[in-house]
Amino acid sequence: EREEAVQRWVHETARKPVDLEHGPLFRAGLLRLGEEEHVLQVTMHHVVSDGWSLGVFWRELGTLYEAFLRGEPSPLEDPPIQYADYALWQRQWLRGEVLEEQLGYWKDQLADVGALELPTDRPRPAVRTHRGARQELVLPEWLTRELRELGRQEGTTLFMVLLGAFQALLARYAGQEDVAVGSPIAGATLSETEDLIGFFVNTLVMRTDFSGDPSFREVLSRVRAVALGAYDHQDLPFEKLVEELRPERDLS
């Protein structure tokens, strides 16, 4: 019963909106279960953090907690820059020739990209409702080893192997030879930003050509080229790309 009550508290606390305009972008609550047992609930707006930043946050919180328990001062050094410094640098750097080169690559890469028409079991609603499901699976250790070995043979990473398999599945289901998949990337490309908390994540569009009935090894070669090109041009914010390309939008 106590565990259910804690889960309810966590869920209800997390559901309170973080107001981007008027409220704090970061909120914490502490539930006292006993003299030495507590539950910490942290809620923050996505505009101030991403997945990479959460790792930094919890690591630093643990370091501070241990130090303060021993009555010691913070062992953390001040970051060399703040997120505002990075945002200013990005705005100044991403202009002129740099911006044109980045935009030119993505415009060529995504020219005439179309929607993926999957044969779903029911029609999409006019406006997306998010009333779906999520299916998780764990790959056995032996399969993971085989996938890594395949990647080593073909000069690709495990991510590229899995992306190739996912896109091949989508191509087969949709009966299409052109498959574009959005993939997040950490975006903290500068050494100064590795230990900085902020919103660095970006979305890269991985578009793979399945024409010519390629073997899976050929698919991996194409995916590798697509991924490496995307990594080399990852600094253009996805929102800026959408603004420039103005693709047809669909609320479903």
C-alpha atoms as a PDB file:
ATOM      1  CA  GLU A   1       0.000   0.000   0.000  1.00  0.00           C
ATOM      2  CA  ARG A   2       2.827   2.374   0.846  1.00  0.00           C
ATOM      3  CA  GLU A   3       4.485   1.746  -2.520  1.00  0.00           C
ATOM      4  CA  GLU A   4       1.202   2.489  -4.312  1.00  0.00           C
ATOM      5  CA  ALA A   5       0.807   5.713  -2.314  1.00  0.00           C
ATOM      6  CA  VAL A   6       4.353   6.788  -3.243  1.00  0.00           C
ATOM      7  CA  GLN A   7       3.693   6.056  -6.898  1.00  0.00           C
ATOM      8  CA  ARG A   8       0.505   8.139  -6.772  1.00  0.00           C
ATOM      9  CA  TRP A   9       2.386  11.036  -5.181  1.00  0.00           C
ATOM     10  CA  VAL A  10       5.151  10.867  -7.764  1.00  0.00           C
ATOM     11  CA  HIS A  11       2.652  10.677 -10.624  1.00  0.00           C
ATOM     12  CA  GLU A  12       0.491  13.539  -9.323  1.00  0.00           C
ATOM     13  CA  THR A  13       3.533  15.718  -8.613  1.00  0.00           C
ATOM     14  CA  ALA A  14       4.999  15.108 -12.040  1.00  0.00           C
ATOM     15  CA  ARG A  15       1.696  15.915 -13.766  1.00  0.00           C
ATOM     16  CA  LYS A  16       1.610  19.479 -12.434  1.00  0.00           C
ATOM     17  CA  PRO A  17       2.503  21.639 -15.439  1.00  0.00           C
ATOM     18  CA  VAL A  18       5.791  23.484 -15.606  1.00  0.00           C
ATOM     19  CA  ASP A  19       4.756  26.923 -16.827  1.00  0.00           C
ATOM     20  CA  LEU A  20       7.191  28.118 -19.486  1.00  0.00           C
ATOM     21  CA  GLU A  21       6.148  31.776 -19.106  1.00  0.00           C
ATOM     22  CA  HIS A  22       5.303  32.306 -15.444  1.00  0.00           C
ATOM     23  CA  GLY A  23       6.341  29.332 -13.339  1.00  0.00           C
ATOM     24  CA  PRO A  24       9.698  27.805 -12.473  1.00  0.00           C
ATOM     25  CA  LEU A  25      11.268  25.624 -15.178  1.00  0.00           C
ATOM     26  CA  PHE A  26      12.629  23.338 -12.457  1.00  0.00           C
ATOM     27  CA  ARG A  27      10.669  21.942  -9.530  1.00  0.00           C
ATOM     28  CA  ALA A  28      11.613  19.467  -6.789  1.00  0.00           C
ATOM     29  CA  GLY A  29       9.608  17.783  -4.036  1.00  0.00           C
ATOM     30  CA  LEU A  30      10.738  15.583  -1.141  1.00  0.00           C
ATOM     31  CA  LEU A  31       8.471  12.923   0.339  1.00  0.00           C
ATOM     32  CA  ARG A  32       9.482  11.883   3.857  1.00  0.00           C
ATOM     33  CA  LEU A  33       8.801   8.182   4.454  1.00  0.00           C
ATOM     34  CA  GLY A  34      10.854   7.805   7.622  1.00  0.00           C
ATOM     35  CA  GLU A  35      13.801   9.160   9.563  1.00  0.00           C
ATOM     36  CA  GLU A  36      16.273   8.006   6.912  1.00  0.00           C
ATOM     37  CA  GLU A  37      14.043   7.237   3.946  1.00  0.00           C
ATOM     38  CA  HIS A  38      12.851   9.799   1.412  1.00  0.00           C
ATOM     39  CA  VAL A  39      11.685   9.995  -2.180  1.00  0.00           C
ATOM     40  CA  LEU A  40      12.927  12.882  -4.321  1.00  0.00           C
ATOM     41  CA  GLN A  41      10.703  14.004  -7.198  1.00  0.00           C
ATOM     42  CA  VAL A  42      12.312  16.264  -9.812  1.00  0.00           C
ATOM     43  CA  THR A  43      10.386  17.885 -12.677  1.00  0.00           C
ATOM     44  CA  MET A  44      12.014  20.141 -15.236  1.00  0.00           C
ATOM     45  CA  HIS A  45      10.967  21.588 -18.557  1.00  0.00           C
ATOM     46  CA  HIS A  46      12.575  20.044 -21.628  1.00  0.00           C
ATOM     47  CA  VAL A  47      13.726  23.503 -22.733  1.00  0.00           C
ATOM     48  CA  VAL A  48      16.339  23.506 -19.930  1.00  0.00           C
ATOM     49  CA  SER A  49      17.606  19.936 -20.118  1.00  0.00           C
ATOM     50  CA  ASP A  50      17.904  16.829 -22.253  1.00  0.00           C
ATOM     51  CA  GLY A  51      18.838  13.184 -21.764  1.00  0.00           C
ATOM     52  CA  TRP A  52      22.572  13.889 -21.624  1.00  0.00           C
ATOM     53  CA  SER A  53      22.003  16.708 -19.129  1.00  0.00           C
ATOM     54  CA  LEU A  54      20.032  14.431 -16.799  1.00  0.00           C
ATOM     55  CA  GLY A  55      23.091  12.205 -16.477  1.00  0.00           C
ATOM     56  CA  VAL A  56      25.177  15.251 -15.551  1.00  0.00           C
ATOM     57  CA  PHE A  57      22.514  16.411 -13.088  1.00  0.00           C
ATOM     58  CA  TRP A  58      22.228  13.130 -11.179  1.00  0.00           C
ATOM     59  CA  ARG A  59      26.008  12.620 -11.128  1.00  0.00           C
ATOM     60  CA  GLU A  60      26.602  16.080  -9.684  1.00  0.00           C
ATOM     61  CA  LEU A  61      23.711  15.747  -7.224  1.00  0.00           C
ATOM     62  CA  GLY A  62      25.226  12.497  -5.927  1.00  0.00           C
ATOM     63  CA  THR A  63      28.659  14.104  -5.594  1.00  0.00           C
ATOM     64  CA  LEU A  64      27.242  17.080  -3.674  1.00  0.00           C
ATOM     65  CA  TYR A  65      25.108  14.837  -1.451  1.00  0.00           C
ATOM     66  CA  GLU A  66      28.083  12.719  -0.402  1.00  0.00           C
ATOM     67  CA  ALA A  67      30.238  15.794   0.245  1.00  0.00           C
ATOM     68  CA  PHE A  68      27.595  17.583   2.331  1.00  0.00           C
ATOM     69  CA  LEU A  69      26.951  14.420   4.358  1.00  0.00           C
ATOM     70  CA  ARG A  70      30.606  14.559   5.407  1.00  0.00           C
ATOM     71  CA  GLY A  71      30.373  18.270   6.143  1.00  0.00           C
ATOM     72  CA  GLU A  72      32.687  19.099   3.244  1.00  0.00           C
ATOM     73  CA  PRO A  73      32.325  21.920   0.723  1.00  0.00           C
ATOM     74  CA  SER A  74      31.316  21.283  -2.855  1.00  0.00           C
ATOM     75  CA  PRO A  75      34.082  19.446  -4.745  1.00  0.00           C
ATOM     76  CA  LEU A  76      32.648  20.536  -8.107  1.00  0.00           C
ATOM     77  CA  GLU A  77      34.513  23.091 -10.155  1.00  0.00           C
ATOM     78  CA  ASP A  78      32.663  25.972 -11.734  1.00  0.00           C
ATOM     79  CA  PRO A  79      31.804  25.197 -15.384  1.00  0.00           C
ATOM     80  CA  PRO A  80      34.026  27.059 -17.880  1.00  0.00           C
ATOM     81  CA  ILE A  81      30.932  28.436 -19.632  1.00  0.00           C
ATOM     82  CA  GLN A  82      27.204  28.730 -19.024  1.00  0.00           C
ATOM     83  CA  TYR A  83      24.458  27.595 -21.381  1.00  0.00           C
ATOM     84  CA  ALA A  84      23.797  31.223 -22.331  1.00  0.00           C
ATOM     85  CA  ASP A  85      27.405  31.445 -23.552  1.00  0.00           C
ATOM     86  CA  TYR A  86      26.855  28.381 -25.750  1.00  0.00           C
ATOM     87  CA  ALA A  87      23.567  29.760 -27.122  1.00  0.00           C
ATOM     88  CA  LEU A  88      25.260  33.055 -28.011  1.00  0.00           C
ATOM     89  CA  TRP A  89      28.194  31.246 -29.655  1.00  0.00           C
ATOM     90  CA  GLN A  90      25.852  29.038 -31.694  1.00  0.00           C
ATOM     91  CA  ARG A  91      23.846  32.037 -32.895  1.00  0.00           C
ATOM     92  CA  GLN A  92      26.998  33.881 -33.972  1.00  0.00           C
ATOM     93  CA  TRP A  93      28.651  30.831 -35.544  1.00  0.00           C
ATOM     94  CA  LEU A  94      25.659  29.437 -37.423  1.00  0.00           C
ATOM     95  CA  ARG A  95      25.344  32.162 -40.032  1.00  0.00           C
ATOM     96  CA  GLY A  96      26.758  33.134 -43.402  1.00  0.00           C
ATOM     97  CA  GLU A  97      28.736  30.425 -45.215  1.00  0.00           C
ATOM     98  CA  VAL A  98      28.438  27.948 -42.340  1.00  0.00           C
ATOM     99  CA  LEU A  99      24.642  28.211 -42.326  1.00  0.00           C
ATOM    100  CA  GLU A 100      24.425  28.021 -46.126  1.00  0.00           C
ATOM    101  CA  GLU A 101      26.633  24.910 -46.228  1.00  0.00           C
ATOM    102  CA  GLN A 102      24.558  23.170 -43.563  1.00  0.00           C
ATOM    103  CA  LEU A 103      21.274  24.153 -45.198  1.00  0.00           C
ATOM    104  CA  GLY A 104      22.514  23.149 -48.638  1.00  0.00           C
ATOM    105  CA  TYR A 105      23.384  19.659 -47.460  1.00  0.00           C
ATOM    106  CA  TRP A 106      20.010  19.039 -45.851  1.00  0.00           C
ATOM    107  CA  LYS A 107      18.046  20.539 -48.719  1.00  0.00           C
ATOM    108  CA  ASP A 108      19.780  18.130 -51.112  1.00  0.00           C
ATOM    109  CA  GLN A 109      19.448  15.217 -48.706  1.00  0.00           C
ATOM    110  CA  LEU A 110      15.723  15.728 -48.081  1.00  0.00           C
ATOM    111  CA  ALA A 111      14.595  16.931 -51.509  1.00  0.00           C
ATOM    112  CA  ASP A 112      11.134  15.537 -52.315  1.00  0.00           C
ATOM    113  CA  VAL A 113      11.083  13.403 -49.163  1.00  0.00           C
ATOM    114  CA  GLY A 114       7.663  11.816 -48.721  1.00  0.00           C
ATOM    115  CA  ALA A 115       5.622  10.435 -45.862  1.00  0.00           C
ATOM    116  CA  LEU A 116       5.867   6.799 -44.862  1.00  0.00           C
ATOM    117  CA  GLU A 117       2.521   5.127 -45.543  1.00  0.00           C
ATOM    118  CA  LEU A 118       2.346   2.206 -43.143  1.00  0.00           C
ATOM    119  CA  PRO A 119      -0.597  -0.233 -43.411  1.00  0.00           C
ATOM    120  CA  THR A 120      -1.928   0.335 -39.892  1.00  0.00           C
ATOM    121  CA  ASP A 121      -4.731  -1.750 -38.398  1.00  0.00           C
ATOM    122  CA  ARG A 122      -7.013   1.316 -38.115  1.00  0.00           C
ATOM    123  CA  PRO A 123      -7.056   4.752 -39.760  1.00  0.00           C
ATOM    124  CA  ARG A 124      -5.243   7.623 -38.133  1.00  0.00           C
ATOM    125  CA  PRO A 125      -7.481  10.209 -36.433  1.00  0.00           C
ATOM    126  CA  ALA A 126      -7.536  13.698 -37.947  1.00  0.00           C
ATOM    127  CA  VAL A 127      -5.531  14.972 -34.977  1.00  0.00           C
ATOM    128  CA  ARG A 128      -3.007  12.801 -33.145  1.00  0.00           C
ATOM    129  CA  THR A 129      -4.262  11.672 -29.746  1.00  0.00           C
ATOM    130  CA  HIS A 130      -1.188   9.792 -28.402  1.00  0.00           C
ATOM    131  CA  ARG A 131      -3.533   6.977 -27.357  1.00  0.00           C
ATOM    132  CA  GLY A 132      -1.173   4.272 -28.511  1.00  0.00           C
ATOM    133  CA  ALA A 133       1.055   1.676 -26.929  1.00  0.00           C
ATOM    134  CA  ARG A 134       4.730   0.997 -26.527  1.00  0.00           C
ATOM    135  CA  GLN A 135       6.305  -2.406 -26.984  1.00  0.00           C
ATOM    136  CA  GLU A 136       9.687  -3.137 -25.437  1.00  0.00           C
ATOM    137  CA  LEU A 137      11.919  -6.128 -26.011  1.00  0.00           C
ATOM    138  CA  VAL A 138      15.332  -7.209 -24.793  1.00  0.00           C
ATOM    139  CA  LEU A 139      17.742  -8.658 -27.326  1.00  0.00           C
ATOM    140  CA  PRO A 140      19.528 -11.761 -26.028  1.00  0.00           C
ATOM    141  CA  GLU A 141      23.252 -11.424 -25.378  1.00  0.00           C
ATOM    142  CA  TRP A 142      24.228 -13.774 -28.198  1.00  0.00           C
ATOM    143  CA  LEU A 143      22.241 -11.732 -30.737  1.00  0.00           C
ATOM    144  CA  THR A 144      23.802  -8.498 -29.546  1.00  0.00           C
ATOM    145  CA  ARG A 145      27.258 -10.044 -30.001  1.00  0.00           C
ATOM    146  CA  GLU A 146      26.330 -11.153 -33.526  1.00  0.00           C
ATOM    147  CA  LEU A 147      25.033  -7.682 -34.390  1.00  0.00           C
ATOM    148  CA  ARG A 148      28.200  -6.041 -33.104  1.00  0.00           C
ATOM    149  CA  GLU A 149      30.306  -8.486 -35.115  1.00  0.00           C
ATOM    150  CA  LEU A 150      28.281  -7.774 -38.256  1.00  0.00           C
ATOM    151  CA  GLY A 151      28.844  -4.088 -37.687  1.00  0.00           C
ATOM    152  CA  ARG A 152      32.588  -4.641 -37.223  1.00  0.00           C
ATOM    153  CA  GLN A 153      32.749  -6.568 -40.505  1.00  0.00           C
ATOM    154  CA  GLU A 154      30.911  -3.829 -42.388  1.00  0.00           C
ATOM    155  CA  GLY A 155      32.609  -0.880 -40.688  1.00  0.00           C
ATOM    156  CA  THR A 156      29.416   0.280 -38.985  1.00  0.00           C
ATOM    157  CA  THR A 157      28.322   0.927 -35.414  1.00  0.00           C
ATOM    158  CA  LEU A 158      25.661  -1.058 -33.565  1.00  0.00           C
ATOM    159  CA  PHE A 159      23.339   1.940 -33.988  1.00  0.00           C
ATOM    160  CA  MET A 160      23.771   1.800 -37.771  1.00  0.00           C
ATOM    161  CA  VAL A 161      23.038  -1.928 -37.830  1.00  0.00           C
ATOM    162  CA  LEU A 162      19.847  -1.495 -35.800  1.00  0.00           C
ATOM    163  CA  LEU A 163      18.787   1.560 -37.822  1.00  0.00           C
ATOM    164  CA  GLY A 164      19.306  -0.399 -41.044  1.00  0.00           C
ATOM    165  CA  ALA A 165      17.199  -3.283 -39.739  1.00  0.00           C
ATOM    166  CA  PHE A 166      14.451  -0.896 -38.578  1.00  0.00           C
ATOM    167  CA  GLN A 167      14.363   0.947 -41.885  1.00  0.00           C
ATOM    168  CA  ALA A 168      14.384  -2.312 -43.853  1.00  0.00           C
ATOM    169  CA  LEU A 169      11.364  -3.448 -41.834  1.00  0.00           C
ATOM    170  CA  LEU A 170       9.566  -0.161 -42.496  1.00  0.00           C
ATOM    171  CA  ALA A 171      10.392  -0.365 -46.209  1.00  0.00           C
ATOM    172  CA  ARG A 172       8.965  -3.893 -46.369  1.00  0.00           C
ATOM    173  CA  TYR A 173       5.777  -3.007 -44.491  1.00  0.00           C
ATOM    174  CA  ALA A 174       5.167   0.211 -46.440  1.00  0.00           C
ATOM    175  CA  GLY A 175       6.257  -1.164 -49.816  1.00  0.00           C
ATOM    176  CA  GLN A 176       8.406   1.946 -50.325  1.00  0.00           C
ATOM    177  CA  GLU A 177      12.009   2.366 -51.454  1.00  0.00           C
ATOM    178  CA  ASP A 178      12.534   5.713 -49.693  1.00  0.00           C
ATOM    179  CA  VAL A 179      12.530   5.616 -45.896  1.00  0.00           C
ATOM    180  CA  ALA A 180      13.294   8.610 -43.662  1.00  0.00           C
ATOM    181  CA  VAL A 181      13.575   8.206 -39.886  1.00  0.00           C
ATOM    182  CA  GLY A 182      14.134  10.930 -37.301  1.00  0.00           C
ATOM    183  CA  SER A 183      16.812  10.155 -34.738  1.00  0.00           C
ATOM    184  CA  PRO A 184      17.906  12.229 -31.732  1.00  0.00           C
ATOM    185  CA  ILE A 185      21.573  13.072 -31.237  1.00  0.00           C
ATOM    186  CA  ALA A 186      23.145  14.401 -28.026  1.00  0.00           C
ATOM    187  CA  GLY A 187      24.423  17.563 -29.703  1.00  0.00           C
ATOM    188  CA  ALA A 188      27.058  18.375 -27.053  1.00  0.00           C
ATOM    189  CA  THR A 189      29.857  18.449 -29.625  1.00  0.00           C
ATOM    190  CA  LEU A 190      32.150  20.865 -27.775  1.00  0.00           C
ATOM    191  CA  SER A 191      34.322  19.658 -24.905  1.00  0.00           C
ATOM    192  CA  GLU A 192      33.196  22.698 -22.886  1.00  0.00           C
ATOM    193  CA  THR A 193      29.559  21.541 -23.051  1.00  0.00           C
ATOM    194  CA  GLU A 194      30.026  17.890 -22.013  1.00  0.00           C
ATOM    195  CA  ASP A 195      29.404  18.675 -18.322  1.00  0.00           C
ATOM    196  CA  LEU A 196      26.933  21.496 -18.930  1.00  0.00           C
ATOM    197  CA  ILE A 197      23.205  21.196 -18.239  1.00  0.00           C
ATOM    198  CA  GLY A 198      21.036  22.555 -21.032  1.00  0.00           C
ATOM    199  CA  PHE A 199      19.095  21.657 -24.153  1.00  0.00           C
ATOM    200  CA  PHE A 200      21.635  20.439 -26.717  1.00  0.00           C
ATOM    201  CA  VAL A 201      19.753  17.526 -28.311  1.00  0.00           C
ATOM    202  CA  ASN A 202      18.947  17.777 -31.990  1.00  0.00           C
ATOM    203  CA  THR A 203      16.954  15.626 -34.427  1.00  0.00           C
ATOM    204  CA  LEU A 204      18.660  14.219 -37.519  1.00  0.00           C
ATOM    205  CA  VAL A 205      16.701  12.828 -40.451  1.00  0.00           C
ATOM    206  CA  MET A 206      18.230   9.550 -41.668  1.00  0.00           C
ATOM    207  CA  ARG A 207      16.985   8.925 -45.210  1.00  0.00           C
ATOM    208  CA  THR A 208      17.925   5.610 -46.798  1.00  0.00           C
ATOM    209  CA  ASP A 209      17.378   4.517 -50.393  1.00  0.00           C
ATOM    210  CA  PHE A 210      16.197   0.914 -50.795  1.00  0.00           C
ATOM    211  CA  SER A 211      15.966   0.916 -54.593  1.00  0.00           C
ATOM    212  CA  GLY A 212      17.558  -1.914 -56.581  1.00  0.00           C
ATOM    213  CA  ASP A 213      16.629  -4.687 -54.128  1.00  0.00           C
ATOM    214  CA  PRO A 214      19.830  -4.305 -52.052  1.00  0.00           C
ATOM    215  CA  SER A 215      21.191  -7.005 -49.771  1.00  0.00           C
ATOM    216  CA  PHE A 216      21.293  -6.132 -46.095  1.00  0.00           C
ATOM    217  CA  ARG A 217      25.054  -5.609 -46.273  1.00  0.00           C
ATOM    218  CA  GLU A 218      24.460  -3.082 -49.059  1.00  0.00           C
ATOM    219  CA  VAL A 219      21.771  -1.466 -46.899  1.00  0.00           C
ATOM    220  CA  LEU A 220      24.339  -1.100 -44.109  1.00  0.00           C
ATOM    221  CA  SER A 221      26.725   0.606 -46.525  1.00  0.00           C
ATOM    222  CA  ARG A 222      24.013   3.101 -47.492  1.00  0.00           C
ATOM    223  CA  VAL A 223      22.967   3.674 -43.875  1.00  0.00           C
ATOM    224  CA  ARG A 224      26.601   4.278 -42.898  1.00  0.00           C
ATOM    225  CA  ALA A 225      27.000   6.949 -45.581  1.00  0.00           C
ATOM    226  CA  VAL A 226      23.731   8.611 -44.564  1.00  0.00           C
ATOM    227  CA  ALA A 227      24.602   8.593 -40.852  1.00  0.00           C
ATOM    228  CA  LEU A 228      28.130   9.934 -41.311  1.00  0.00           C
ATOM    229  CA  GLY A 229      26.816  12.730 -43.525  1.00  0.00           C
ATOM    230  CA  ALA A 230      24.195  13.584 -40.922  1.00  0.00           C
ATOM    231  CA  TYR A 231      26.784  13.636 -38.129  1.00  0.00           C
ATOM    232  CA  ASP A 232      28.927  16.052 -40.150  1.00  0.00           C
ATOM    233  CA  HIS A 233      25.932  18.382 -40.475  1.00  0.00           C
ATOM    234  CA  GLN A 234      24.318  17.932 -37.061  1.00  0.00           C
ATOM    235  CA  ASP A 235      24.672  21.549 -35.954  1.00  0.00           C
ATOM    236  CA  LEU A 236      21.683  22.874 -37.884  1.00  0.00           C
ATOM    237  CA  PRO A 237      18.694  22.918 -35.480  1.00  0.00           C
ATOM    238  CA  PHE A 238      15.854  20.717 -36.714  1.00  0.00           C
ATOM    239  CA  GLU A 239      13.398  23.588 -36.196  1.00  0.00           C
ATOM    240  CA  LYS A 240      15.462  25.761 -38.552  1.00  0.00           C
ATOM    241  CA  LEU A 241      15.454  22.997 -41.148  1.00  0.00           C
ATOM    242  CA  VAL A 242      11.659  22.636 -40.980  1.00  0.00           C
ATOM    243  CA  GLU A 243      11.324  26.412 -41.250  1.00  0.00           C
ATOM    244  CA  GLU A 244      13.416  26.420 -44.429  1.00  0.00           C
ATOM    245  CA  LEU A 245      11.961  23.308 -46.110  1.00  0.00           C
ATOM    246  CA  ARG A 246       8.327  24.013 -45.158  1.00  0.00           C
ATOM    247  CA  PRO A 247       7.162  20.428 -45.658  1.00  0.00           C
ATOM    248  CA  GLU A 248       3.492  19.591 -45.798  1.00  0.00           C
ATOM    249  CA  ARG A 249       2.330  19.184 -42.199  1.00  0.00           C
ATOM    250  CA  ASP A 250      -0.226  16.635 -41.033  1.00  0.00           C
ATOM    251  CA  LEU A 251      -1.818  16.825 -37.573  1.00  0.00           C
ATOM    252  CA  SER A 252      -2.452  13.082 -37.654  1.00  0.00           C
END
